[in-house]
Amino acid sequence: MWIFRIVLFLLILSFAIVNTDPVTIRYYLGFQWEAPLVVALLAAAGLGALLALLAGLFQALRLRRQIAALKRELRAAQSTPPPAGGTLPPPPDLL
């Protein structure tokens, strides 16, 4: 695992060394930002990773709520008494 991290670090470092030219990023309303190309690319990648993390977090929270609701439903179904008619009929033969 350490070898993978070292190789990844060296690739990012060599990418940063090669891409030092300044670029200007223009926003709306006349705002602009000038930075080295590697900083702009890493900022865009970081922002994309952050947005993906937030999307995953919202998905995980939604699934946790769904699991909690299903657990409540299961507990309610298990707490109801069995039918008074005795045993259930055998399942139909699937063959």
PDB file of N, CA and C in Angstrom:
ATOM      1  N   MET A   1       0.823  -1.190   0.000  1.00  0.00           N
ATOM      2  CA  MET A   1       0.000   0.000   0.000  1.00  0.00           C
ATOM      3  C   MET A   1       0.869   1.257   0.000  1.00  0.00           C
ATOM      4  N   TRP A   2       1.979   1.208   0.727  1.00  0.00           N
ATOM      5  CA  TRP A   2       2.868   2.372   0.766  1.00  0.00           C
ATOM      6  C   TRP A   2       3.477   2.639  -0.601  1.00  0.00           C
ATOM      7  N   ILE A   3       3.770   1.587  -1.339  1.00  0.00           N
ATOM      8  CA  ILE A   3       4.357   1.767  -2.672  1.00  0.00           C
ATOM      9  C   ILE A   3       3.353   2.478  -3.582  1.00  0.00           C
ATOM     10  N   PHE A   4       2.092   2.085  -3.497  1.00  0.00           N
ATOM     11  CA  PHE A   4       1.056   2.739  -4.299  1.00  0.00           C
ATOM     12  C   PHE A   4       0.964   4.221  -3.951  1.00  0.00           C
ATOM     13  N   ARG A   5       1.009   4.547  -2.674  1.00  0.00           N
ATOM     14  CA  ARG A   5       0.931   5.951  -2.254  1.00  0.00           C
ATOM     15  C   ARG A   5       2.137   6.747  -2.740  1.00  0.00           C
ATOM     16  N   ILE A   6       3.309   6.150  -2.673  1.00  0.00           N
ATOM     17  CA  ILE A   6       4.522   6.842  -3.133  1.00  0.00           C
ATOM     18  C   ILE A   6       4.446   7.085  -4.637  1.00  0.00           C
ATOM     19  N   VAL A   7       4.022   6.075  -5.386  1.00  0.00           N
ATOM     20  CA  VAL A   7       3.901   6.228  -6.841  1.00  0.00           C
ATOM     21  C   VAL A   7       2.855   7.292  -7.177  1.00  0.00           C
ATOM     22  N   LEU A   8       1.727   7.276  -6.488  1.00  0.00           N
ATOM     23  CA  LEU A   8       0.694   8.284  -6.725  1.00  0.00           C
ATOM     24  C   LEU A   8       1.207   9.680  -6.400  1.00  0.00           C
ATOM     25  N   PHE A   9       1.921   9.822  -5.287  1.00  0.00           N
ATOM     26  CA  PHE A   9       2.492  11.116  -4.917  1.00  0.00           C
ATOM     27  C   PHE A   9       3.474  11.600  -5.975  1.00  0.00           C
ATOM     28  N   LEU A  10       4.325  10.705  -6.471  1.00  0.00           N
ATOM     29  CA  LEU A  10       5.303  11.095  -7.488  1.00  0.00           C
ATOM     30  C   LEU A  10       4.616  11.499  -8.796  1.00  0.00           C
ATOM     31  N   LEU A  11       3.538  10.806  -9.152  1.00  0.00           N
ATOM     32  CA  LEU A  11       2.801  11.187 -10.361  1.00  0.00           C
ATOM     33  C   LEU A  11       2.173  12.569 -10.213  1.00  0.00           C
ATOM     34  N   ILE A  12       1.572  12.835  -9.061  1.00  0.00           N
ATOM     35  CA  ILE A  12       0.965  14.151  -8.829  1.00  0.00           C
ATOM     36  C   ILE A  12       2.035  15.228  -8.778  1.00  0.00           C
ATOM     37  N   LEU A  13       3.169  14.927  -8.150  1.00  0.00           N
ATOM     38  CA  LEU A  13       4.263  15.891  -8.071  1.00  0.00           C
ATOM     39  C   LEU A  13       4.809  16.211  -9.457  1.00  0.00           C
ATOM     40  N   SER A  14       5.026  15.190 -10.282  1.00  0.00           N
ATOM     41  CA  SER A  14       5.535  15.452 -11.632  1.00  0.00           C
ATOM     42  C   SER A  14       4.508  16.229 -12.454  1.00  0.00           C
ATOM     43  N   PHE A  15       3.229  15.941 -12.267  1.00  0.00           N
ATOM     44  CA  PHE A  15       2.173  16.689 -12.943  1.00  0.00           C
ATOM     45  C   PHE A  15       2.209  18.154 -12.522  1.00  0.00           C
ATOM     46  N   ALA A  16       2.416  18.401 -11.237  1.00  0.00           N
ATOM     47  CA  ALA A  16       2.463  19.773 -10.726  1.00  0.00           C
ATOM     48  C   ALA A  16       3.680  20.517 -11.249  1.00  0.00           C
ATOM     49  N   ILE A  17       4.801  19.841 -11.351  1.00  0.00           N
ATOM     50  CA  ILE A  17       6.029  20.488 -11.831  1.00  0.00           C
ATOM     51  C   ILE A  17       5.894  20.883 -13.300  1.00  0.00           C
ATOM     52  N   VAL A  18       5.248  20.050 -14.087  1.00  0.00           N
ATOM     53  CA  VAL A  18       5.122  20.303 -15.525  1.00  0.00           C
ATOM     54  C   VAL A  18       4.078  21.387 -15.816  1.00  0.00           C
ATOM     55  N   ASN A  19       3.034  21.504 -15.001  1.00  0.00           N
ATOM     56  CA  ASN A  19       1.910  22.408 -15.271  1.00  0.00           C
ATOM     57  C   ASN A  19       1.914  23.609 -14.330  1.00  0.00           C
ATOM     58  N   THR A  20       2.917  24.464 -14.479  1.00  0.00           N
ATOM     59  CA  THR A  20       3.012  25.637 -13.607  1.00  0.00           C
ATOM     60  C   THR A  20       2.593  26.928 -14.300  1.00  0.00           C
ATOM     61  N   ASP A  21       2.192  26.854 -15.555  1.00  0.00           N
ATOM     62  CA  ASP A  21       1.793  28.064 -16.277  1.00  0.00           C
ATOM     63  C   ASP A  21       0.553  28.684 -15.632  1.00  0.00           C
ATOM     64  N   PRO A  22       0.523  30.013 -15.546  1.00  0.00           N
ATOM     65  CA  PRO A  22      -0.652  30.652 -14.943  1.00  0.00           C
ATOM     66  C   PRO A  22      -1.844  30.627 -15.897  1.00  0.00           C
ATOM     67  N   VAL A  23      -3.007  30.442 -15.328  1.00  0.00           N
ATOM     68  CA  VAL A  23      -4.254  30.493 -16.092  1.00  0.00           C
ATOM     69  C   VAL A  23      -5.200  31.455 -15.385  1.00  0.00           C
ATOM     70  N   THR A  24      -6.081  32.054 -16.162  1.00  0.00           N
ATOM     71  CA  THR A  24      -7.075  32.961 -15.604  1.00  0.00           C
ATOM     72  C   THR A  24      -8.437  32.305 -15.730  1.00  0.00           C
ATOM     73  N   ILE A  25      -9.117  32.190 -14.617  1.00  0.00           N
ATOM     74  CA  ILE A  25     -10.462  31.627 -14.595  1.00  0.00           C
ATOM     75  C   ILE A  25     -11.421  32.782 -14.371  1.00  0.00           C
ATOM     76  N   ARG A  26     -12.319  32.970 -15.320  1.00  0.00           N
ATOM     77  CA  ARG A  26     -13.266  34.078 -15.249  1.00  0.00           C
ATOM     78  C   ARG A  26     -14.622  33.570 -14.776  1.00  0.00           C
ATOM     79  N   TYR A  27     -15.177  34.267 -13.798  1.00  0.00           N
ATOM     80  CA  TYR A  27     -16.505  33.962 -13.270  1.00  0.00           C
ATOM     81  C   TYR A  27     -17.484  35.000 -13.779  1.00  0.00           C
ATOM     82  N   TYR A  28     -18.707  34.877 -13.340  1.00  0.00           N
ATOM     83  CA  TYR A  28     -19.726  35.856 -13.692  1.00  0.00           C
ATOM     84  C   TYR A  28     -19.471  37.162 -12.952  1.00  0.00           C
ATOM     85  N   LEU A  29     -20.073  38.219 -13.423  1.00  0.00           N
ATOM     86  CA  LEU A  29     -19.997  39.559 -12.836  1.00  0.00           C
ATOM     87  C   LEU A  29     -18.577  40.113 -12.829  1.00  0.00           C
ATOM     88  N   GLY A  30     -17.739  39.673 -13.754  1.00  0.00           N
ATOM     89  CA  GLY A  30     -16.405  40.229 -13.904  1.00  0.00           C
ATOM     90  C   GLY A  30     -15.366  39.719 -12.927  1.00  0.00           C
ATOM     91  N   PHE A  31     -15.716  38.791 -12.057  1.00  0.00           N
ATOM     92  CA  PHE A  31     -14.736  38.261 -11.113  1.00  0.00           C
ATOM     93  C   PHE A  31     -13.831  37.280 -11.838  1.00  0.00           C
ATOM     94  N   GLN A  32     -12.535  37.355 -11.555  1.00  0.00           N
ATOM     95  CA  GLN A  32     -11.598  36.415 -12.157  1.00  0.00           C
ATOM     96  C   GLN A  32     -10.544  36.005 -11.142  1.00  0.00           C
ATOM     97  N   TRP A  33      -9.947  34.849 -11.388  1.00  0.00           N
ATOM     98  CA  TRP A  33      -8.957  34.283 -10.480  1.00  0.00           C
ATOM     99  C   TRP A  33      -7.792  33.781 -11.320  1.00  0.00           C
ATOM    100  N   GLU A  34      -6.595  34.168 -10.970  1.00  0.00           N
ATOM    101  CA  GLU A  34      -5.411  33.717 -11.689  1.00  0.00           C
ATOM    102  C   GLU A  34      -4.595  32.835 -10.762  1.00  0.00           C
ATOM    103  N   ALA A  35      -4.242  31.655 -11.271  1.00  0.00           N
ATOM    104  CA  ALA A  35      -3.491  30.687 -10.474  1.00  0.00           C
ATOM    105  C   ALA A  35      -2.743  29.760 -11.425  1.00  0.00           C
ATOM    106  N   PRO A  36      -1.750  29.038 -10.929  1.00  0.00           N
ATOM    107  CA  PRO A  36      -1.099  28.033 -11.770  1.00  0.00           C
ATOM    108  C   PRO A  36      -2.116  26.973 -12.207  1.00  0.00           C
ATOM    109  N   LEU A  37      -1.886  26.420 -13.372  1.00  0.00           N
ATOM    110  CA  LEU A  37      -2.814  25.438 -13.933  1.00  0.00           C
ATOM    111  C   LEU A  37      -3.034  24.267 -12.987  1.00  0.00           C
ATOM    112  N   VAL A  38      -1.977  23.794 -12.365  1.00  0.00           N
ATOM    113  CA  VAL A  38      -2.114  22.634 -11.483  1.00  0.00           C
ATOM    114  C   VAL A  38      -3.007  22.961 -10.291  1.00  0.00           C
ATOM    115  N   VAL A  39      -2.938  24.182  -9.780  1.00  0.00           N
ATOM    116  CA  VAL A  39      -3.792  24.569  -8.652  1.00  0.00           C
ATOM    117  C   VAL A  39      -5.251  24.599  -9.091  1.00  0.00           C
ATOM    118  N   ALA A  40      -5.506  25.145 -10.274  1.00  0.00           N
ATOM    119  CA  ALA A  40      -6.878  25.200 -10.778  1.00  0.00           C
ATOM    120  C   ALA A  40      -7.431  23.793 -11.000  1.00  0.00           C
ATOM    121  N   LEU A  41      -6.620  22.905 -11.568  1.00  0.00           N
ATOM    122  CA  LEU A  41      -7.080  21.539 -11.815  1.00  0.00           C
ATOM    123  C   LEU A  41      -7.314  20.781 -10.513  1.00  0.00           C
ATOM    124  N   LEU A  42      -6.395  20.929  -9.564  1.00  0.00           N
ATOM    125  CA  LEU A  42      -6.564  20.242  -8.283  1.00  0.00           C
ATOM    126  C   LEU A  42      -7.755  20.812  -7.508  1.00  0.00           C
ATOM    127  N   ALA A  43      -7.987  22.115  -7.620  1.00  0.00           N
ATOM    128  CA  ALA A  43      -9.159  22.711  -6.964  1.00  0.00           C
ATOM    129  C   ALA A  43     -10.447  22.169  -7.582  1.00  0.00           C
ATOM    130  N   ALA A  44     -10.476  22.049  -8.898  1.00  0.00           N
ATOM    131  CA  ALA A  44     -11.662  21.507  -9.563  1.00  0.00           C
ATOM    132  C   ALA A  44     -11.874  20.042  -9.175  1.00  0.00           C
ATOM    133  N   ALA A  45     -10.795  19.268  -9.120  1.00  0.00           N
ATOM    134  CA  ALA A  45     -10.908  17.865  -8.722  1.00  0.00           C
ATOM    135  C   ALA A  45     -11.358  17.751  -7.268  1.00  0.00           C
ATOM    136  N   GLY A  46     -10.818  18.605  -6.412  1.00  0.00           N
ATOM    137  CA  GLY A  46     -11.222  18.587  -5.008  1.00  0.00           C
ATOM    138  C   GLY A  46     -12.682  18.965  -4.826  1.00  0.00           C
ATOM    139  N   LEU A  47     -13.134  19.964  -5.578  1.00  0.00           N
ATOM    140  CA  LEU A  47     -14.536  20.366  -5.510  1.00  0.00           C
ATOM    141  C   LEU A  47     -15.445  19.237  -6.006  1.00  0.00           C
ATOM    142  N   GLY A  48     -15.029  18.573  -7.068  1.00  0.00           N
ATOM    143  CA  GLY A  48     -15.806  17.435  -7.567  1.00  0.00           C
ATOM    144  C   GLY A  48     -15.862  16.301  -6.556  1.00  0.00           C
ATOM    145  N   ALA A  49     -14.737  16.027  -5.896  1.00  0.00           N
ATOM    146  CA  ALA A  49     -14.719  14.983  -4.870  1.00  0.00           C
ATOM    147  C   ALA A  49     -15.611  15.361  -3.691  1.00  0.00           C
ATOM    148  N   LEU A  50     -15.597  16.631  -3.317  1.00  0.00           N
ATOM    149  CA  LEU A  50     -16.444  17.093  -2.214  1.00  0.00           C
ATOM    150  C   LEU A  50     -17.927  16.956  -2.562  1.00  0.00           C
ATOM    151  N   LEU A  51     -18.289  17.315  -3.784  1.00  0.00           N
ATOM    152  CA  LEU A  51     -19.684  17.173  -4.207  1.00  0.00           C
ATOM    153  C   LEU A  51     -20.103  15.702  -4.247  1.00  0.00           C
ATOM    154  N   ALA A  52     -19.207  14.832  -4.709  1.00  0.00           N
ATOM    155  CA  ALA A  52     -19.514  13.402  -4.720  1.00  0.00           C
ATOM    156  C   ALA A  52     -19.662  12.867  -3.301  1.00  0.00           C
ATOM    157  N   LEU A  53     -18.827  13.344  -2.383  1.00  0.00           N
ATOM    158  CA  LEU A  53     -18.918  12.932  -0.984  1.00  0.00           C
ATOM    159  C   LEU A  53     -20.247  13.372  -0.378  1.00  0.00           C
ATOM    160  N   LEU A  54     -20.661  14.597  -0.658  1.00  0.00           N
ATOM    161  CA  LEU A  54     -21.945  15.083  -0.146  1.00  0.00           C
ATOM    162  C   LEU A  54     -23.114  14.288  -0.724  1.00  0.00           C
ATOM    163  N   ALA A  55     -23.047  13.972  -2.002  1.00  0.00           N
ATOM    164  CA  ALA A  55     -24.109  13.174  -2.615  1.00  0.00           C
ATOM    165  C   ALA A  55     -24.169  11.792  -1.973  1.00  0.00           C
ATOM    166  N   GLY A  56     -23.017  11.194  -1.729  1.00  0.00           N
ATOM    167  CA  GLY A  56     -22.981   9.893  -1.062  1.00  0.00           C
ATOM    168  C   GLY A  56     -23.490   9.965   0.361  1.00  0.00           C
ATOM    169  N   LEU A  57     -23.197  11.060   1.046  1.00  0.00           N
ATOM    170  CA  LEU A  57     -23.667  11.238   2.420  1.00  0.00           C
ATOM    171  C   LEU A  57     -25.189  11.326   2.457  1.00  0.00           C
ATOM    172  N   PHE A  58     -25.777  12.094   1.549  1.00  0.00           N
ATOM    173  CA  PHE A  58     -27.233  12.195   1.503  1.00  0.00           C
ATOM    174  C   PHE A  58     -27.865  10.843   1.168  1.00  0.00           C
ATOM    175  N   GLN A  59     -27.247  10.096   0.282  1.00  0.00           N
ATOM    176  CA  GLN A  59     -27.751   8.764  -0.067  1.00  0.00           C
ATOM    177  C   GLN A  59     -27.677   7.844   1.149  1.00  0.00           C
ATOM    178  N   ALA A  60     -26.576   7.896   1.892  1.00  0.00           N
ATOM    179  CA  ALA A  60     -26.423   7.052   3.079  1.00  0.00           C
ATOM    180  C   ALA A  60     -27.454   7.413   4.145  1.00  0.00           C
ATOM    181  N   LEU A  61     -27.706   8.702   4.340  1.00  0.00           N
ATOM    182  CA  LEU A  61     -28.713   9.116   5.319  1.00  0.00           C
ATOM    183  C   LEU A  61     -30.108   8.649   4.915  1.00  0.00           C
ATOM    184  N   ARG A  62     -30.421   8.748   3.637  1.00  0.00           N
ATOM    185  CA  ARG A  62     -31.720   8.292   3.153  1.00  0.00           C
ATOM    186  C   ARG A  62     -31.876   6.787   3.361  1.00  0.00           C
ATOM    187  N   LEU A  63     -30.814   6.031   3.092  1.00  0.00           N
ATOM    188  CA  LEU A  63     -30.878   4.582   3.274  1.00  0.00           C
ATOM    189  C   LEU A  63     -30.982   4.208   4.751  1.00  0.00           C
ATOM    190  N   ARG A  64     -30.321   4.961   5.628  1.00  0.00           N
ATOM    191  CA  ARG A  64     -30.442   4.687   7.071  1.00  0.00           C
ATOM    192  C   ARG A  64     -31.874   4.898   7.549  1.00  0.00           C
ATOM    193  N   ARG A  65     -32.513   5.961   7.069  1.00  0.00           N
ATOM    194  CA  ARG A  65     -33.913   6.193   7.438  1.00  0.00           C
ATOM    195  C   ARG A  65     -34.805   5.070   6.930  1.00  0.00           C
ATOM    196  N   GLN A  66     -34.532   4.604   5.723  1.00  0.00           N
ATOM    197  CA  GLN A  66     -35.325   3.523   5.151  1.00  0.00           C
ATOM    198  C   GLN A  66     -35.119   2.237   5.948  1.00  0.00           C
ATOM    199  N   ILE A  67     -33.888   1.956   6.350  1.00  0.00           N
ATOM    200  CA  ILE A  67     -33.607   0.765   7.152  1.00  0.00           C
ATOM    201  C   ILE A  67     -34.322   0.850   8.494  1.00  0.00           C
ATOM    202  N   ALA A  68     -34.291   2.022   9.128  1.00  0.00           N
ATOM    203  CA  ALA A  68     -34.972   2.190  10.416  1.00  0.00           C
ATOM    204  C   ALA A  68     -36.472   1.959  10.266  1.00  0.00           C
ATOM    205  N   ALA A  69     -37.066   2.474   9.196  1.00  0.00           N
ATOM    206  CA  ALA A  69     -38.500   2.274   8.974  1.00  0.00           C
ATOM    207  C   ALA A  69     -38.808   0.799   8.740  1.00  0.00           C
ATOM    208  N   LEU A  70     -37.965   0.114   7.988  1.00  0.00           N
ATOM    209  CA  LEU A  70     -38.182  -1.311   7.739  1.00  0.00           C
ATOM    210  C   LEU A  70     -38.018  -2.132   9.015  1.00  0.00           C
ATOM    211  N   LYS A  71     -37.074  -1.739   9.874  1.00  0.00           N
ATOM    212  CA  LYS A  71     -36.912  -2.445  11.152  1.00  0.00           C
ATOM    213  C   LYS A  71     -38.141  -2.256  12.032  1.00  0.00           C
ATOM    214  N   ARG A  72     -38.689  -1.035  12.058  1.00  0.00           N
ATOM    215  CA  ARG A  72     -39.915  -0.797  12.831  1.00  0.00           C
ATOM    216  C   ARG A  72     -41.064  -1.641  12.281  1.00  0.00           C
ATOM    217  N   GLU A  73     -41.164  -1.709  10.971  1.00  0.00           N
ATOM    218  CA  GLU A  73     -42.219  -2.497  10.343  1.00  0.00           C
ATOM    219  C   GLU A  73     -42.050  -3.980  10.662  1.00  0.00           C
ATOM    220  N   LEU A  74     -40.818  -4.460  10.659  1.00  0.00           N
ATOM    221  CA  LEU A  74     -40.551  -5.861  10.975  1.00  0.00           C
ATOM    222  C   LEU A  74     -40.905  -6.165  12.429  1.00  0.00           C
ATOM    223  N   ARG A  75     -40.518  -5.268  13.348  1.00  0.00           N
ATOM    224  CA  ARG A  75     -40.855  -5.471  14.764  1.00  0.00           C
ATOM    225  C   ARG A  75     -42.367  -5.499  14.963  1.00  0.00           C
ATOM    226  N   ALA A  76     -43.071  -4.621  14.258  1.00  0.00           N
ATOM    227  CA  ALA A  76     -44.528  -4.593  14.380  1.00  0.00           C
ATOM    228  C   ALA A  76     -45.138  -5.878  13.831  1.00  0.00           C
ATOM    229  N   ALA A  77     -44.600  -6.386  12.741  1.00  0.00           N
ATOM    230  CA  ALA A  77     -45.121  -7.620  12.154  1.00  0.00           C
ATOM    231  C   ALA A  77     -44.816  -8.819  13.045  1.00  0.00           C
ATOM    232  N   GLN A  78     -43.670  -8.811  13.708  1.00  0.00           N
ATOM    233  CA  GLN A  78     -43.311  -9.929  14.577  1.00  0.00           C
ATOM    234  C   GLN A  78     -44.086  -9.894  15.886  1.00  0.00           C
ATOM    235  N   SER A  79     -44.563  -8.728  16.290  1.00  0.00           N
ATOM    236  CA  SER A  79     -45.270  -8.628  17.563  1.00  0.00           C
ATOM    237  C   SER A  79     -46.750  -8.975  17.439  1.00  0.00           C
ATOM    238  N   THR A  80     -47.280  -9.039  16.233  1.00  0.00           N
ATOM    239  CA  THR A  80     -48.688  -9.414  16.077  1.00  0.00           C
ATOM    240  C   THR A  80     -48.828 -10.912  16.309  1.00  0.00           C
ATOM    241  N   PRO A  81     -49.895 -11.334  16.999  1.00  0.00           N
ATOM    242  CA  PRO A  81     -50.070 -12.766  17.286  1.00  0.00           C
ATOM    243  C   PRO A  81     -50.401 -13.537  16.012  1.00  0.00           C
ATOM    244  N   PRO A  82     -50.067 -14.836  15.989  1.00  0.00           N
ATOM    245  CA  PRO A  82     -50.394 -15.653  14.811  1.00  0.00           C
ATOM    246  C   PRO A  82     -51.909 -15.805  14.674  1.00  0.00           C
ATOM    247  N   PRO A  83     -52.383 -16.164  13.498  1.00  0.00           N
ATOM    248  CA  PRO A  83     -53.828 -16.306  13.301  1.00  0.00           C
ATOM    249  C   PRO A  83     -54.401 -17.386  14.223  1.00  0.00           C
ATOM    250  N   ALA A  84     -55.656 -17.222  14.621  1.00  0.00           N
ATOM    251  CA  ALA A  84     -56.285 -18.131  15.582  1.00  0.00           C
ATOM    252  C   ALA A  84     -56.661 -19.463  14.960  1.00  0.00           C
ATOM    253  N   GLY A  85     -56.591 -19.605  13.668  1.00  0.00           N
ATOM    254  CA  GLY A  85     -57.014 -20.827  12.996  1.00  0.00           C
ATOM    255  C   GLY A  85     -56.053 -21.993  13.162  1.00  0.00           C
ATOM    256  N   GLY A  86     -54.959 -21.844  13.824  1.00  0.00           N
ATOM    257  CA  GLY A  86     -54.009 -22.945  13.994  1.00  0.00           C
ATOM    258  C   GLY A  86     -52.811 -22.764  13.094  1.00  0.00           C
ATOM    259  N   THR A  87     -52.416 -23.846  12.442  1.00  0.00           N
ATOM    260  CA  THR A  87     -51.217 -23.802  11.609  1.00  0.00           C
ATOM    261  C   THR A  87     -51.556 -23.298  10.214  1.00  0.00           C
ATOM    262  N   LEU A  88     -50.563 -22.828   9.546  1.00  0.00           N
ATOM    263  CA  LEU A  88     -50.726 -22.354   8.175  1.00  0.00           C
ATOM    264  C   LEU A  88     -50.694 -23.535   7.225  1.00  0.00           C
ATOM    265  N   PRO A  89     -51.354 -23.436   6.086  1.00  0.00           N
ATOM    266  CA  PRO A  89     -51.287 -24.529   5.112  1.00  0.00           C
ATOM    267  C   PRO A  89     -49.876 -24.629   4.543  1.00  0.00           C
ATOM    268  N   PRO A  90     -49.485 -25.822   4.083  1.00  0.00           N
ATOM    269  CA  PRO A  90     -48.140 -25.966   3.519  1.00  0.00           C
ATOM    270  C   PRO A  90     -48.015 -25.154   2.235  1.00  0.00           C
ATOM    271  N   PRO A  91     -46.796 -24.707   1.924  1.00  0.00           N
ATOM    272  CA  PRO A  91     -46.607 -23.931   0.691  1.00  0.00           C
ATOM    273  C   PRO A  91     -46.844 -24.800  -0.531  1.00  0.00           C
ATOM    274  N   PRO A  92     -47.265 -24.202  -1.631  1.00  0.00           N
ATOM    275  CA  PRO A  92     -47.498 -24.995  -2.847  1.00  0.00           C
ATOM    276  C   PRO A  92     -46.186 -25.554  -3.379  1.00  0.00           C
ATOM    277  N   ASP A  93     -46.284 -26.685  -4.049  1.00  0.00           N
ATOM    278  CA  ASP A  93     -45.103 -27.325  -4.623  1.00  0.00           C
ATOM    279  C   ASP A  93     -44.634 -26.502  -5.816  1.00  0.00           C
ATOM    280  N   LEU A  94     -43.366 -26.143  -5.799  1.00  0.00           N
ATOM    281  CA  LEU A  94     -42.833 -25.287  -6.855  1.00  0.00           C
ATOM    282  C   LEU A  94     -42.345 -26.067  -8.059  1.00  0.00           C
ATOM    283  N   LEU A  95     -42.342 -27.390  -7.993  1.00  0.00           N
ATOM    284  CA  LEU A  95     -41.863 -28.179  -9.130  1.00  0.00           C
ATOM    285  C   LEU A  95     -42.908 -28.367 -10.116  1.00  0.00           C
TER     286      LEU A  95
END
